[in-house]
Structure formats: structure tokens, C-alpha cells
């Protein structure tokens, strides 16, 4: 009888240890996954997307350039022809990240001849990669990205 009770005790101990260990592993894995989430690919202070553009000929006294900078935090600044700052929602920043990935722009060759009366340089930072593109390279892909948050 004592042997039977001892076996039941050992079996229960093993079972509880297995369940507890599995739960701890599950929580650790879940936390690790949420901290390195699929969309958390840029630090909040880092620049996610930047467009630096200029056009001409520029009449005297006018500003014919614009720099738009989107940070991972959602902060969007415009400096130049228009000047303002606003904060985009996390959902919208996530949409921008998804669109960058869906276009495949980070792995595309975007080399093309530049234009004489308009220039734009784009910088994208995502997943530890930085990409610089000069307009009109990858024009369609860039338009799909910037249409999410820039007024044209």
C-alpha cells in the first residue's frame, strides 16, 4: 500500500513539474515573441522613412524644397515649403512598415537616371537595413508607401 501511494506521489510530482515547466516555457516564448514583434522593426527615435525633395526653377523668395521625416514613434515632421509636425497612430506606422515589406523595395534595384527639374532622395530604415533611393527609381513602390501618410 505504501508503495502504491509513493508511486502515485511520484507520478503526480512528475506531472505537475511537466505542466509547470511547460507553462513557464510558454510564457517565456510568448513574451519573447511580443517583445520582438514582427512590426517592431525600428526604434521609436529612428527614422523609418524620409523624403528630401526639391524642384525648380525656383522663383526668388520662395522655398522650393521639402523634407518629410517619419520616425518609428509615429512623429512626422515637414520642413521647407510647408512646416508642421504631427504624430501618426501606431496602427498607421504599422501599415507603413507592412507596405514597405510588401513592395519588396529594400531588396530591389532602384537605379534610374535623375530628372533635371525635380529631385528627391528617399531613405528607408527597416529591419536593420538602410536604403537610399533617388527619384524616379522605384517610383511606384515609393508612391504606395508615402500615400499612406503624406499629402501630395
Foldseek 3Di string as FASTA:
>chain_A
DVVVVVVVVVVVVVVVVVVVVVVVVVVVVVVVCVVVDPQPWFDQAAWAKKKWKFFDPDDPPAWGIWIWTAGQVQWIFIDTNDGDIDGDDNVLSSVLSVLCVVLVVLPDDFDDDADDGMWMWMWGDGNNDIDIHIPPGPVVSVCVNCVSPDDD
